[in-house]
Amino acid sequence: MIRYTKANDSRATVSGWLGVAVLASLIAVSGCAGEDTPVKAVEPDRSSMCALDGMLLADYPGPKGQILYDGGERAFYCDTIELLSIYLRPEQQKRVRAIFTQDMGKTDWKQPNNHWIDAKTAYYVQGSDLHGSMGPTLATFASEEDARSFIKKHGGKLLRFDQITVDMVDLRGGAKHDHSM
């Protein structure tokens, strides 16, 4: 508690304003820290379910995905087609803080875990002979070299994130638009 007397009246006012300025600066910095703080992917556990269809992620092969929304909500997807279909929808209303997928150059296709990468910087392979949880999927890699090596073994076409369109990840029939699904 500050006591005001004639002797310390001006010092109390200055220190009071200084305290307010420091507090305001701390609030401003802490408010911005959430936006600038690097975010990381979270490894789902054995009971983690796909936000779109409730399937258990651990039950299916191929790269998984996750979206971290502003506010901290995190959604997992059991397939890159589902992940990108949700992210690229023009009606997507939630603000996305980060989007992740797995580096298939470093993890096992049949039981992928860990090795999360920024989905916006990943290399994608469309049309390979390997399938994900929903059939044909987009294989994802951190390095172009790993993606090209994968193409030699499993076929497909190399894409970057900005080349993927909503039509390519249409959930009505997967990546090959097989409408029998």
C-alpha atoms as a PDB file:
ATOM      1  CA  MET A   1       0.000   0.000   0.000  1.00  0.00           C
ATOM      2  CA  ILE A   2       1.385   3.414  -0.966  1.00  0.00           C
ATOM      3  CA  ARG A   3       0.927   6.201   1.547  1.00  0.00           C
ATOM      4  CA  TYR A   4       0.747   9.651   0.087  1.00  0.00           C
ATOM      5  CA  THR A   5       2.432  12.443   1.951  1.00  0.00           C
ATOM      6  CA  LYS A   6       3.641  15.775   0.707  1.00  0.00           C
ATOM      7  CA  ALA A   7       7.238  14.470   0.777  1.00  0.00           C
ATOM      8  CA  ASN A   8       6.664  11.399  -1.423  1.00  0.00           C
ATOM      9  CA  ASP A   9       3.608  12.486  -3.403  1.00  0.00           C
ATOM     10  CA  SER A  10       5.474  12.998  -6.696  1.00  0.00           C
ATOM     11  CA  ARG A  11       7.586   9.823  -6.258  1.00  0.00           C
ATOM     12  CA  ALA A  12       4.473   7.752  -5.538  1.00  0.00           C
ATOM     13  CA  THR A  13       2.770   9.088  -8.674  1.00  0.00           C
ATOM     14  CA  VAL A  14       5.819   8.337 -10.840  1.00  0.00           C
ATOM     15  CA  SER A  15       6.281   4.850  -9.389  1.00  0.00           C
ATOM     16  CA  GLY A  16       2.543   4.239  -9.708  1.00  0.00           C
ATOM     17  CA  TRP A  17       2.567   5.154 -13.411  1.00  0.00           C
ATOM     18  CA  LEU A  18       5.733   3.125 -13.927  1.00  0.00           C
ATOM     19  CA  GLY A  19       4.020   0.104 -12.347  1.00  0.00           C
ATOM     20  CA  VAL A  20       1.009   0.527 -14.610  1.00  0.00           C
ATOM     21  CA  ALA A  21       3.280   0.811 -17.670  1.00  0.00           C
ATOM     22  CA  VAL A  22       5.221  -2.337 -16.718  1.00  0.00           C
ATOM     23  CA  LEU A  23       1.992  -4.266 -16.092  1.00  0.00           C
ATOM     24  CA  ALA A  24       0.530  -3.123 -19.430  1.00  0.00           C
ATOM     25  CA  SER A  25       3.727  -4.205 -21.206  1.00  0.00           C
ATOM     26  CA  LEU A  26       3.600  -7.624 -19.580  1.00  0.00           C
ATOM     27  CA  ILE A  27      -0.020  -8.089 -20.585  1.00  0.00           C
ATOM     28  CA  ALA A  28       0.731  -7.048 -24.171  1.00  0.00           C
ATOM     29  CA  VAL A  29       3.741  -9.349 -24.400  1.00  0.00           C
ATOM     30  CA  SER A  30       1.901 -12.311 -22.889  1.00  0.00           C
ATOM     31  CA  GLY A  31      -1.012 -11.763 -25.261  1.00  0.00           C
ATOM     32  CA  CYS A  32       1.302 -11.885 -28.262  1.00  0.00           C
ATOM     33  CA  ALA A  33       3.442 -14.742 -26.978  1.00  0.00           C
ATOM     34  CA  GLY A  34       0.752 -17.269 -27.855  1.00  0.00           C
ATOM     35  CA  GLU A  35       0.882 -16.225 -31.501  1.00  0.00           C
ATOM     36  CA  ASP A  36       4.682 -16.208 -31.768  1.00  0.00           C
ATOM     37  CA  THR A  37       5.503 -19.206 -29.590  1.00  0.00           C
ATOM     38  CA  PRO A  38       6.420 -22.194 -31.761  1.00  0.00           C
ATOM     39  CA  VAL A  39       3.912 -24.986 -31.444  1.00  0.00           C
ATOM     40  CA  LYS A  40       4.662 -28.677 -31.629  1.00  0.00           C
ATOM     41  CA  ALA A  41       2.706 -31.693 -32.661  1.00  0.00           C
ATOM     42  CA  VAL A  42       1.462 -34.034 -29.961  1.00  0.00           C
ATOM     43  CA  GLU A  43       1.831 -37.786 -30.330  1.00  0.00           C
ATOM     44  CA  PRO A  44      -1.652 -39.336 -30.105  1.00  0.00           C
ATOM     45  CA  ASP A  45      -2.117 -42.246 -27.720  1.00  0.00           C
ATOM     46  CA  ARG A  46      -3.653 -45.650 -28.528  1.00  0.00           C
ATOM     47  CA  SER A  47      -7.148 -44.338 -27.774  1.00  0.00           C
ATOM     48  CA  SER A  48      -6.919 -41.172 -29.923  1.00  0.00           C
ATOM     49  CA  MET A  49      -9.765 -40.926 -32.392  1.00  0.00           C
ATOM     50  CA  CYS A  50     -10.158 -39.186 -35.709  1.00  0.00           C
ATOM     51  CA  ALA A  51     -12.093 -35.938 -35.292  1.00  0.00           C
ATOM     52  CA  LEU A  52     -13.968 -36.595 -38.524  1.00  0.00           C
ATOM     53  CA  ASP A  53     -15.199 -40.164 -38.192  1.00  0.00           C
ATOM     54  CA  GLY A  54     -14.232 -41.467 -34.738  1.00  0.00           C
ATOM     55  CA  MET A  55     -11.862 -44.153 -36.071  1.00  0.00           C
ATOM     56  CA  LEU A  56      -8.931 -45.056 -33.821  1.00  0.00           C
ATOM     57  CA  LEU A  57      -5.758 -43.633 -35.350  1.00  0.00           C
ATOM     58  CA  ALA A  58      -3.594 -46.535 -34.168  1.00  0.00           C
ATOM     59  CA  ASP A  59      -5.686 -49.076 -36.107  1.00  0.00           C
ATOM     60  CA  TYR A  60      -4.724 -47.826 -39.565  1.00  0.00           C
ATOM     61  CA  PRO A  61      -1.625 -47.488 -41.751  1.00  0.00           C
ATOM     62  CA  GLY A  62      -0.281 -44.385 -43.440  1.00  0.00           C
ATOM     63  CA  PRO A  63       0.416 -40.824 -42.361  1.00  0.00           C
ATOM     64  CA  LYS A  64      -1.851 -39.213 -39.812  1.00  0.00           C
ATOM     65  CA  GLY A  65      -2.595 -35.533 -39.319  1.00  0.00           C
ATOM     66  CA  GLN A  66      -3.436 -33.011 -36.662  1.00  0.00           C
ATOM     67  CA  ILE A  67      -4.637 -29.443 -36.570  1.00  0.00           C
ATOM     68  CA  LEU A  68      -4.031 -27.090 -33.669  1.00  0.00           C
ATOM     69  CA  TYR A  69      -6.652 -24.354 -33.620  1.00  0.00           C
ATOM     70  CA  ASP A  70      -6.368 -20.940 -31.989  1.00  0.00           C
ATOM     71  CA  GLY A  71      -7.546 -21.380 -28.445  1.00  0.00           C
ATOM     72  CA  GLY A  72      -5.696 -24.684 -28.014  1.00  0.00           C
ATOM     73  CA  GLU A  73      -8.199 -27.198 -29.427  1.00  0.00           C
ATOM     74  CA  ARG A  74      -6.379 -30.024 -31.244  1.00  0.00           C
ATOM     75  CA  ALA A  75      -7.993 -32.385 -33.744  1.00  0.00           C
ATOM     76  CA  PHE A  76      -6.443 -35.628 -35.011  1.00  0.00           C
ATOM     77  CA  TYR A  77      -7.102 -37.250 -38.393  1.00  0.00           C
ATOM     78  CA  CYS A  78      -6.358 -40.832 -39.393  1.00  0.00           C
ATOM     79  CA  ASP A  79      -5.485 -39.927 -42.978  1.00  0.00           C
ATOM     80  CA  THR A  80      -3.945 -37.007 -44.897  1.00  0.00           C
ATOM     81  CA  ILE A  81      -6.969 -36.880 -47.195  1.00  0.00           C
ATOM     82  CA  GLU A  82      -9.212 -36.192 -44.186  1.00  0.00           C
ATOM     83  CA  LEU A  83      -6.743 -33.699 -42.718  1.00  0.00           C
ATOM     84  CA  LEU A  84      -6.437 -31.663 -45.901  1.00  0.00           C
ATOM     85  CA  SER A  85     -10.113 -31.956 -46.767  1.00  0.00           C
ATOM     86  CA  ILE A  86     -10.970 -30.259 -43.476  1.00  0.00           C
ATOM     87  CA  TYR A  87      -8.162 -27.699 -43.709  1.00  0.00           C
ATOM     88  CA  LEU A  88      -8.781 -26.682 -47.338  1.00  0.00           C
ATOM     89  CA  ARG A  89     -12.569 -26.380 -47.114  1.00  0.00           C
ATOM     90  CA  PRO A  90     -13.642 -22.878 -48.049  1.00  0.00           C
ATOM     91  CA  GLU A  91     -16.165 -22.957 -45.209  1.00  0.00           C
ATOM     92  CA  GLN A  92     -13.454 -23.643 -42.587  1.00  0.00           C
ATOM     93  CA  GLN A  93     -14.343 -21.141 -39.881  1.00  0.00           C
ATOM     94  CA  LYS A  94     -11.914 -21.935 -37.086  1.00  0.00           C
ATOM     95  CA  ARG A  95      -8.560 -20.158 -37.094  1.00  0.00           C
ATOM     96  CA  VAL A  96      -5.774 -22.674 -37.513  1.00  0.00           C
ATOM     97  CA  ARG A  97      -2.576 -22.161 -35.573  1.00  0.00           C
ATOM     98  CA  ALA A  98      -0.652 -25.163 -36.984  1.00  0.00           C
ATOM     99  CA  ILE A  99      -1.184 -28.206 -39.176  1.00  0.00           C
ATOM    100  CA  PHE A 100       0.965 -31.336 -38.944  1.00  0.00           C
ATOM    101  CA  THR A 101       1.449 -34.645 -40.701  1.00  0.00           C
ATOM    102  CA  GLN A 102       4.020 -37.421 -40.379  1.00  0.00           C
ATOM    103  CA  ASP A 103       7.341 -37.843 -42.159  1.00  0.00           C
ATOM    104  CA  MET A 104       6.948 -41.230 -43.818  1.00  0.00           C
ATOM    105  CA  GLY A 105      10.660 -41.229 -44.631  1.00  0.00           C
ATOM    106  CA  LYS A 106      11.295 -41.742 -40.921  1.00  0.00           C
ATOM    107  CA  THR A 107       8.381 -43.831 -39.678  1.00  0.00           C
ATOM    108  CA  ASP A 108       6.815 -47.171 -40.581  1.00  0.00           C
ATOM    109  CA  TRP A 109       3.890 -47.044 -43.012  1.00  0.00           C
ATOM    110  CA  LYS A 110       1.991 -49.855 -41.289  1.00  0.00           C
ATOM    111  CA  GLN A 111       2.312 -48.419 -37.785  1.00  0.00           C
ATOM    112  CA  PRO A 112       3.381 -44.789 -38.026  1.00  0.00           C
ATOM    113  CA  ASN A 113       4.297 -42.923 -34.883  1.00  0.00           C
ATOM    114  CA  ASN A 114       6.135 -39.731 -34.031  1.00  0.00           C
ATOM    115  CA  HIS A 115       8.134 -37.814 -36.684  1.00  0.00           C
ATOM    116  CA  TRP A 116       5.602 -34.992 -37.018  1.00  0.00           C
ATOM    117  CA  ILE A 117       6.318 -32.254 -39.552  1.00  0.00           C
ATOM    118  CA  ASP A 118       4.700 -29.001 -40.623  1.00  0.00           C
ATOM    119  CA  ALA A 119       2.146 -30.013 -43.251  1.00  0.00           C
ATOM    120  CA  LYS A 120       2.674 -26.755 -45.144  1.00  0.00           C
ATOM    121  CA  THR A 121       6.355 -27.521 -45.782  1.00  0.00           C
ATOM    122  CA  ALA A 122       5.939 -31.250 -46.485  1.00  0.00           C
ATOM    123  CA  TYR A 123       6.430 -32.995 -49.809  1.00  0.00           C
ATOM    124  CA  TYR A 124       3.361 -34.985 -50.861  1.00  0.00           C
ATOM    125  CA  VAL A 125       3.092 -38.041 -53.077  1.00  0.00           C
ATOM    126  CA  GLN A 126      -0.256 -38.579 -54.768  1.00  0.00           C
ATOM    127  CA  GLY A 127      -1.229 -41.848 -56.451  1.00  0.00           C
ATOM    128  CA  SER A 128       1.127 -44.369 -54.826  1.00  0.00           C
ATOM    129  CA  ASP A 129       0.267 -48.034 -54.419  1.00  0.00           C
ATOM    130  CA  LEU A 130       0.103 -47.717 -50.603  1.00  0.00           C
ATOM    131  CA  HIS A 131      -3.159 -46.901 -48.874  1.00  0.00           C
ATOM    132  CA  GLY A 132      -4.136 -45.156 -45.671  1.00  0.00           C
ATOM    133  CA  SER A 133      -7.181 -45.613 -43.468  1.00  0.00           C
ATOM    134  CA  MET A 134      -9.629 -44.482 -46.150  1.00  0.00           C
ATOM    135  CA  GLY A 135      -7.925 -46.052 -49.168  1.00  0.00           C
ATOM    136  CA  PRO A 136      -5.703 -43.980 -51.466  1.00  0.00           C
ATOM    137  CA  THR A 137      -3.938 -41.228 -49.564  1.00  0.00           C
ATOM    138  CA  LEU A 138      -1.211 -38.635 -49.883  1.00  0.00           C
ATOM    139  CA  ALA A 139       2.129 -39.852 -48.540  1.00  0.00           C
ATOM    140  CA  THR A 140       4.052 -37.109 -46.723  1.00  0.00           C
ATOM    141  CA  PHE A 141       7.760 -36.441 -46.342  1.00  0.00           C
ATOM    142  CA  ALA A 142      10.048 -33.836 -44.797  1.00  0.00           C
ATOM    143  CA  SER A 143      12.594 -34.141 -47.621  1.00  0.00           C
ATOM    144  CA  GLU A 144      12.216 -34.157 -51.381  1.00  0.00           C
ATOM    145  CA  GLU A 145      14.849 -36.898 -51.601  1.00  0.00           C
ATOM    146  CA  ASP A 146      12.763 -39.242 -49.412  1.00  0.00           C
ATOM    147  CA  ALA A 147       9.638 -38.445 -51.439  1.00  0.00           C
ATOM    148  CA  ARG A 148      11.406 -39.225 -54.740  1.00  0.00           C
ATOM    149  CA  SER A 149      12.798 -42.471 -53.309  1.00  0.00           C
ATOM    150  CA  PHE A 150       9.255 -43.423 -52.256  1.00  0.00           C
ATOM    151  CA  ILE A 151       7.968 -42.668 -55.779  1.00  0.00           C
ATOM    152  CA  LYS A 152      10.561 -45.031 -57.288  1.00  0.00           C
ATOM    153  CA  LYS A 153       9.285 -47.865 -55.070  1.00  0.00           C
ATOM    154  CA  HIS A 154       5.552 -47.123 -54.928  1.00  0.00           C
ATOM    155  CA  GLY A 155       4.737 -44.810 -57.832  1.00  0.00           C
ATOM    156  CA  GLY A 156       2.952 -41.500 -57.664  1.00  0.00           C
ATOM    157  CA  LYS A 157       3.404 -37.833 -58.388  1.00  0.00           C
ATOM    158  CA  LEU A 158       5.300 -35.290 -56.278  1.00  0.00           C
ATOM    159  CA  LEU A 159       3.325 -32.284 -55.008  1.00  0.00           C
ATOM    160  CA  ARG A 160       3.901 -29.384 -52.654  1.00  0.00           C
ATOM    161  CA  PHE A 161       1.274 -28.166 -50.191  1.00  0.00           C
ATOM    162  CA  ASP A 162       0.193 -25.232 -52.336  1.00  0.00           C
ATOM    163  CA  GLN A 163      -0.479 -27.570 -55.284  1.00  0.00           C
ATOM    164  CA  ILE A 164      -3.080 -29.603 -53.406  1.00  0.00           C
ATOM    165  CA  THR A 165      -6.639 -28.579 -54.195  1.00  0.00           C
ATOM    166  CA  VAL A 166      -9.946 -29.265 -52.492  1.00  0.00           C
ATOM    167  CA  ASP A 167     -10.892 -31.540 -55.416  1.00  0.00           C
ATOM    168  CA  MET A 168      -7.816 -33.724 -54.769  1.00  0.00           C
ATOM    169  CA  VAL A 169      -8.902 -34.377 -51.191  1.00  0.00           C
ATOM    170  CA  ASP A 170     -12.625 -34.722 -51.753  1.00  0.00           C
ATOM    171  CA  LEU A 171     -13.894 -37.261 -49.223  1.00  0.00           C
ATOM    172  CA  ARG A 172     -16.503 -38.572 -51.625  1.00  0.00           C
ATOM    173  CA  GLY A 173     -14.379 -41.478 -52.826  1.00  0.00           C
ATOM    174  CA  GLY A 174     -10.907 -40.685 -51.497  1.00  0.00           C
ATOM    175  CA  ALA A 175      -7.952 -39.517 -53.554  1.00  0.00           C
ATOM    176  CA  LYS A 176      -9.042 -41.484 -56.630  1.00  0.00           C
ATOM    177  CA  HIS A 177     -12.683 -40.380 -56.376  1.00  0.00           C
ATOM    178  CA  ASP A 178     -13.935 -43.941 -56.132  1.00  0.00           C
ATOM    179  CA  HIS A 179     -17.606 -43.189 -55.446  1.00  0.00           C
ATOM    180  CA  SER A 180     -18.261 -46.747 -54.315  1.00  0.00           C
ATOM    181  CA  MET A 181     -16.964 -45.878 -50.826  1.00  0.00           C
END
